[in-house]
Amino acid sequence: MGDELVDRTEALSMGDPTDFRHFLGAVIDDRAFKKHTAAIERAQATSGLTVVAGGTTDDSVGWFVRPTIVLGEDPEDEMFRTEYFGPILAVHVYDDRDSTAFERVAHQLESASPYALTGAVVARDRAAIDWASEALRFAAGNFYVNDKPTGAVVGQQPFGGGRGSGTNDKAGAALNLQRWTSPRSLKETLVPPTDHMYPLHGALHGGGVTGVLPAHLGPLHPVEQALTVALAIGPFVVLGIVVALRRRQEAREERQGQEEPERQEEPERREAQGVPETTEGEERG
C-alpha cells in the first residue's frame, strides 16, 4: 500500500487551474508558499521524519508546492499538530500486532491537535467504525466513514469544526442561522398585581388577604385565608419537626455513647470490690 500511495502521489499533475487536465494548482499566496516550504524543509532536516513523496516547491511562476507525504515515527510531532492548508500529508504507521494498538493510537490522536475540523476512519469492521465514531466524537466537527475528509461543498453538507477550528455552528445548516440572530424573551402580564405583599403577609398581620388578586375580586374567604397560611407555613412546620427528631436522635446516641464505657467498666469494678459476678437470671431474680 505504501509504494502504491507514493507512486500515485508522484503521478499527480500540477499546473494552470484553468486546464482541467491538472489535478491541482498553486497555493493561494506567497505567505502560504513560505509556510509550506518551511514545513517541508523542517521535515527533510528532522530525525524521525522522512519525505517519501514530493518535497519540492517552485515560485518562479505562481506558488507551486508538490503534493508531499511525510512519514513520521512520533505521532506527537509538529507535522501531526499543525494546520497547513496545503498539499502536505503526514503519515504515522503503528504496530498493530498489539490488540490494543488501535484504541491506544485513537486516544492519542483525539487530543493531539488543537483543531477539530474534519476527520475520517477507513475500515470494514463495523465495530471498529462505531467505536472510533464514539471515541473521536469531539475530535472532528465533520467525521467521515470510508471517505476522504476534504472537499466539502457548502450547500451540499453542513460544515464546521470545534476547538481551534471554530464554534462548530455548521455553515449550511439551521444551527448557523442562530449566529446571525439576537434572540430575546418577551413577557406580558395581562392581569397585573395590585399589591407588592404576598398573601401570607396580609393574613399574618390581620389585614385581610388580597395579595396578588385583582382588586375587584376582594379579600379571600376566611377558609381560603387559613388554607393559604397553612400552605405557606406548612413546610416550616415539617422542617421544625424534622430538626426536633434529629436532635432527639443525636441526644439518644450521645447517651448510649456515655453508657457503653460504664458497662464495660462494671465487671472490673466488681472484681476490684470482691463482688461475685451475677448472671442475667440472678439479676432478674
Protein backbone atom coordinates (compact mmCIF):
# COMPACT_ATOMS: atom_id res chain seq x y z
CA MET A 1 0.00 0.00 0.00
CA GLY A 2 2.82 2.40 0.81
CA ASP A 3 4.52 2.07 -2.59
CA GLU A 4 1.23 2.49 -4.44
CA LEU A 5 0.39 5.62 -2.42
CA VAL A 6 3.79 7.14 -3.20
CA ASP A 7 3.59 6.28 -6.91
CA ARG A 8 0.11 7.76 -7.33
CA THR A 9 1.10 10.91 -5.46
CA GLU A 10 4.15 11.43 -7.64
CA ALA A 11 1.98 10.97 -10.75
CA LEU A 12 -0.37 13.86 -9.88
CA SER A 13 -0.09 16.71 -12.38
CA MET A 14 0.16 20.37 -11.38
CA GLY A 15 -0.31 23.50 -13.45
CA ASP A 16 -2.74 26.15 -14.60
CA PRO A 17 -6.06 25.52 -12.82
CA THR A 18 -7.98 26.57 -15.95
CA ASP A 19 -6.55 23.47 -17.61
CA PHE A 20 -8.72 20.70 -16.21
CA ARG A 21 -6.15 18.05 -17.12
CA HIS A 22 -4.22 19.10 -13.99
CA PHE A 23 -5.15 17.60 -10.66
CA LEU A 24 -4.21 20.69 -8.63
CA GLY A 25 -2.84 24.20 -8.94
CA ALA A 26 -0.72 26.54 -6.83
CA VAL A 27 -1.26 27.57 -3.21
CA ILE A 28 -3.06 30.85 -2.62
CA ASP A 29 -0.21 33.34 -2.00
CA ASP A 30 3.44 33.86 -1.08
CA ARG A 31 2.70 33.63 2.65
CA ALA A 32 1.22 30.15 2.24
CA PHE A 33 4.07 29.16 -0.07
CA LYS A 34 6.68 30.13 2.53
CA LYS A 35 4.80 28.29 5.29
CA HIS A 36 4.67 25.06 3.29
CA THR A 37 8.28 25.39 2.14
CA ALA A 38 9.42 25.80 5.75
CA ALA A 39 7.43 22.72 6.82
CA ILE A 40 8.94 20.58 4.07
CA GLU A 41 12.48 21.79 4.81
CA ARG A 42 11.98 21.03 8.50
CA ALA A 43 10.76 17.52 7.65
CA GLN A 44 13.81 16.93 5.47
CA ALA A 45 16.14 18.03 8.27
CA THR A 46 14.43 16.39 11.26
CA SER A 47 15.34 12.95 12.58
CA GLY A 48 12.32 10.66 12.69
CA LEU A 49 10.67 12.36 9.69
CA THR A 50 11.10 11.10 6.13
CA VAL A 51 9.79 12.77 2.99
CA VAL A 52 8.68 9.83 0.83
CA ALA A 53 6.88 11.76 -1.93
CA GLY A 54 7.02 15.30 -3.31
CA GLY A 55 9.09 17.62 -1.18
CA THR A 56 9.78 20.25 -3.85
CA THR A 57 8.47 23.80 -4.34
CA ASP A 58 8.65 26.36 -7.16
CA ASP A 59 7.62 30.04 -7.10
CA SER A 60 9.05 31.10 -10.43
CA VAL A 61 5.56 31.28 -11.93
CA GLY A 62 2.93 31.08 -9.21
CA TRP A 63 3.41 29.38 -5.82
CA PHE A 64 3.56 25.67 -6.53
CA VAL A 65 4.11 23.03 -3.85
CA ARG A 66 4.32 19.42 -4.95
CA PRO A 67 1.94 17.05 -3.09
CA THR A 68 4.15 15.85 -0.25
CA ILE A 69 3.94 12.81 2.04
CA VAL A 70 5.96 12.84 5.27
CA LEU A 71 6.42 9.60 7.21
CA GLY A 72 6.71 10.30 10.95
CA GLU A 73 7.78 7.95 13.72
CA ASP A 74 6.45 10.18 16.53
CA PRO A 75 2.68 10.90 16.31
CA GLU A 76 3.22 13.87 18.66
CA ASP A 77 5.48 15.62 16.16
CA GLU A 78 4.61 19.10 14.90
CA MET A 79 3.74 17.66 11.48
CA PHE A 80 0.68 15.98 13.04
CA ARG A 81 -0.44 19.03 15.03
CA THR A 82 -0.12 21.89 12.56
CA GLU A 83 -2.86 23.01 10.16
CA TYR A 84 -1.05 23.70 6.87
CA PHE A 85 -3.94 24.16 4.44
CA GLY A 86 -1.75 22.80 1.70
CA PRO A 87 -0.76 19.58 -0.12
CA ILE A 88 1.18 18.09 2.81
CA LEU A 89 0.18 14.74 4.32
CA ALA A 90 1.80 13.38 7.49
CA VAL A 91 1.58 9.59 7.97
CA HIS A 92 2.31 7.56 11.10
CA VAL A 93 2.47 3.77 10.76
CA TYR A 94 1.86 1.98 14.07
CA ASP A 95 2.49 -1.63 15.00
CA ASP A 96 -0.93 -3.32 15.05
CA ARG A 97 0.30 -6.65 16.39
CA ASP A 98 -0.78 -5.47 19.84
CA SER A 99 -4.53 -5.99 20.20
CA THR A 100 -4.91 -2.63 21.96
CA ALA A 101 -2.82 -0.64 19.47
CA PHE A 102 -5.78 0.76 17.53
CA GLU A 103 -7.51 2.06 20.65
CA ARG A 104 -4.26 3.49 22.03
CA VAL A 105 -3.46 5.38 18.83
CA ALA A 106 -7.04 6.66 18.54
CA HIS A 107 -6.96 8.04 22.09
CA GLN A 108 -3.61 9.70 21.34
CA LEU A 109 -4.77 11.43 18.18
CA GLU A 110 -8.06 12.53 19.78
CA SER A 111 -6.25 15.35 21.57
CA ALA A 112 -3.03 15.56 19.56
CA SER A 113 -4.12 18.69 17.68
CA PRO A 114 -5.78 21.86 18.99
CA TYR A 115 -8.07 21.77 15.96
CA ALA A 116 -11.24 19.75 15.38
CA LEU A 117 -12.43 20.40 11.84
CA THR A 118 -12.55 17.13 9.90
CA GLY A 119 -11.56 13.51 10.43
CA ALA A 120 -12.08 10.13 8.85
CA VAL A 121 -11.89 6.44 9.62
CA VAL A 122 -11.45 3.82 6.89
CA ALA A 123 -12.43 0.31 7.97
CA ARG A 124 -14.53 -2.74 7.12
CA ASP A 125 -15.07 -3.76 10.74
CA ARG A 126 -18.39 -2.19 11.81
CA ALA A 127 -17.48 -2.50 15.49
CA ALA A 128 -14.24 -0.57 14.88
CA ILE A 129 -16.15 2.14 13.00
CA ASP A 130 -18.71 2.52 15.78
CA TRP A 131 -16.00 2.59 18.44
CA ALA A 132 -13.96 5.22 16.58
CA SER A 133 -17.05 7.36 15.94
CA GLU A 134 -17.71 7.48 19.68
CA ALA A 135 -14.09 7.85 20.84
CA LEU A 136 -13.42 10.68 18.37
CA ARG A 137 -16.78 12.44 18.70
CA PHE A 138 -15.15 15.71 19.85
CA ALA A 139 -12.07 15.46 17.62
CA ALA A 140 -13.77 16.48 14.37
CA GLY A 141 -16.86 18.57 13.60
CA ASN A 142 -17.20 16.68 10.32
CA PHE A 143 -16.49 12.97 10.63
CA TYR A 144 -16.26 10.77 7.54
CA VAL A 145 -16.54 6.99 7.34
CA ASN A 146 -14.74 5.36 4.41
CA ASP A 147 -14.40 8.70 2.64
CA LYS A 148 -11.82 11.48 2.37
CA PRO A 149 -12.12 14.26 4.99
CA THR A 150 -11.62 17.08 2.46
CA GLY A 151 -13.55 18.75 -0.33
CA ALA A 152 -16.81 19.55 1.47
CA VAL A 153 -19.08 21.80 -0.61
CA VAL A 154 -21.11 24.46 1.22
CA GLY A 155 -24.77 24.00 0.39
CA GLN A 156 -24.41 20.25 -0.05
CA GLN A 157 -23.49 19.36 3.50
CA PRO A 158 -23.32 21.21 6.83
CA PHE A 159 -19.70 22.05 7.60
CA GLY A 160 -17.84 23.35 10.63
CA GLY A 161 -15.49 22.33 13.43
CA GLY A 162 -14.88 22.94 17.11
CA ARG A 163 -11.93 23.67 19.37
CA GLY A 164 -9.43 25.83 17.48
CA SER A 165 -11.35 25.35 14.23
CA GLY A 166 -14.37 27.44 15.24
CA THR A 167 -17.66 27.37 17.09
CA ASN A 168 -18.93 24.30 15.21
CA ASP A 169 -22.12 26.05 14.07
CA LYS A 170 -22.20 24.19 10.76
CA ALA A 171 -22.37 26.56 7.80
CA GLY A 172 -25.14 25.36 5.53
CA ALA A 173 -27.30 24.19 8.44
CA ALA A 174 -30.07 25.75 10.50
CA LEU A 175 -27.77 25.91 13.53
CA ASN A 176 -25.63 28.51 11.77
CA LEU A 177 -28.61 30.87 11.40
CA GLN A 178 -28.69 31.38 15.17
CA ARG A 179 -25.29 33.06 14.96
CA TRP A 180 -26.90 35.79 12.84
CA THR A 181 -29.81 36.44 15.17
CA SER A 182 -30.28 38.14 18.54
CA PRO A 183 -32.94 36.15 20.39
CA ARG A 184 -34.90 37.73 23.22
CA SER A 185 -37.70 36.66 25.58
CA LEU A 186 -40.96 38.64 25.87
CA LYS A 187 -43.37 38.52 28.81
CA GLU A 188 -46.67 40.43 29.02
CA THR A 189 -48.80 40.37 32.17
CA LEU A 190 -52.48 40.87 31.35
CA VAL A 191 -53.67 40.87 35.00
CA PRO A 192 -51.05 42.93 36.88
CA PRO A 193 -50.63 42.66 40.67
CA THR A 194 -52.25 45.30 42.89
CA ASP A 195 -50.03 44.86 45.95
CA HIS A 196 -46.38 44.11 46.49
CA MET A 197 -47.14 41.94 49.56
CA TYR A 198 -47.61 38.18 49.41
CA PRO A 199 -51.00 36.76 50.54
CA LEU A 200 -49.32 35.25 53.60
CA HIS A 201 -48.15 38.65 54.84
CA GLY A 202 -51.65 40.11 54.92
CA ALA A 203 -53.04 37.09 56.80
CA LEU A 204 -50.32 37.13 59.44
CA HIS A 205 -50.82 40.82 60.15
CA GLY A 206 -54.63 40.59 60.29
CA GLY A 207 -55.09 42.97 57.42
CA GLY A 208 -57.05 40.66 55.16
CA VAL A 209 -55.54 38.82 52.28
CA THR A 210 -55.82 40.40 48.86
CA GLY A 211 -52.25 39.74 47.73
CA VAL A 212 -51.82 39.47 44.01
CA LEU A 213 -55.56 39.07 43.35
CA PRO A 214 -57.20 41.77 41.23
CA ALA A 215 -58.89 44.45 43.33
CA HIS A 216 -62.39 43.67 42.01
CA LEU A 217 -62.25 40.14 43.47
CA GLY A 218 -61.96 41.46 47.02
CA PRO A 219 -60.39 39.68 50.02
CA LEU A 220 -60.17 35.92 50.34
CA HIS A 221 -62.74 33.89 52.30
CA PRO A 222 -61.56 33.02 55.84
CA VAL A 223 -61.26 29.37 54.86
CA GLU A 224 -59.15 30.37 51.89
CA GLN A 225 -57.02 32.57 54.15
CA ALA A 226 -56.46 29.65 56.55
CA LEU A 227 -55.55 27.35 53.65
CA THR A 228 -53.16 29.94 52.27
CA VAL A 229 -51.45 30.31 55.65
CA ALA A 230 -51.29 26.53 56.09
CA LEU A 231 -49.72 26.05 52.68
CA ALA A 232 -47.24 28.83 53.38
CA ILE A 233 -46.10 27.76 56.86
CA GLY A 234 -46.57 24.01 56.35
CA PRO A 235 -43.02 23.41 55.04
CA PHE A 236 -41.56 25.28 58.01
CA VAL A 237 -43.58 23.15 60.45
CA VAL A 238 -42.37 19.98 58.77
CA LEU A 239 -38.82 21.29 58.87
CA GLY A 240 -39.16 22.04 62.58
CA ILE A 241 -40.40 18.51 63.27
CA VAL A 242 -37.53 17.00 61.30
CA VAL A 243 -34.98 19.12 63.18
CA ALA A 244 -36.53 18.15 66.54
CA LEU A 245 -36.45 14.45 65.67
CA ARG A 246 -32.88 14.74 64.52
CA ARG A 247 -31.80 16.42 67.74
CA ARG A 248 -33.63 13.75 69.77
CA GLN A 249 -31.79 11.04 67.85
CA GLU A 250 -28.43 12.74 68.42
CA ALA A 251 -29.15 13.05 72.18
CA ARG A 252 -30.06 9.33 72.34
CA GLU A 253 -26.84 8.37 70.54
CA GLU A 254 -24.83 10.59 72.89
CA ARG A 255 -26.35 8.92 75.97
CA GLN A 256 -25.65 5.49 74.54
CA GLY A 257 -22.08 6.53 73.91
CA GLN A 258 -21.70 7.57 77.54
CA GLU A 259 -23.32 4.40 78.96
CA GLU A 260 -21.23 1.98 76.90
CA PRO A 261 -17.90 2.65 78.72
CA GLU A 262 -19.73 2.28 82.06
CA ARG A 263 -21.00 -1.17 81.08
CA GLN A 264 -17.50 -2.20 80.07
CA GLU A 265 -16.00 -0.94 83.37
CA GLU A 266 -18.66 -2.62 85.63
CA PRO A 267 -17.07 -6.13 85.67
CA GLU A 268 -13.69 -4.64 86.54
CA ARG A 269 -15.19 -2.58 89.37
CA ARG A 270 -17.00 -5.64 90.78
CA GLU A 271 -13.82 -7.68 90.67
CA ALA A 272 -11.87 -4.92 92.44
CA GLN A 273 -14.51 -4.77 95.17
CA GLY A 274 -14.65 -8.52 95.54
CA VAL A 275 -18.26 -8.73 94.46
CA PRO A 276 -19.03 -12.01 92.67
CA GLU A 277 -20.39 -11.79 89.16
CA THR A 278 -24.09 -12.45 88.76
CA THR A 279 -25.79 -13.96 85.83
CA GLU A 280 -28.55 -12.29 83.98
CA GLY A 281 -31.06 -14.66 85.57
CA GLU A 282 -29.78 -13.87 89.07
CA GLU A 283 -30.03 -10.15 88.42
CA ARG A 284 -33.65 -10.57 87.39
CA GLY A 285 -34.37 -12.70 90.46
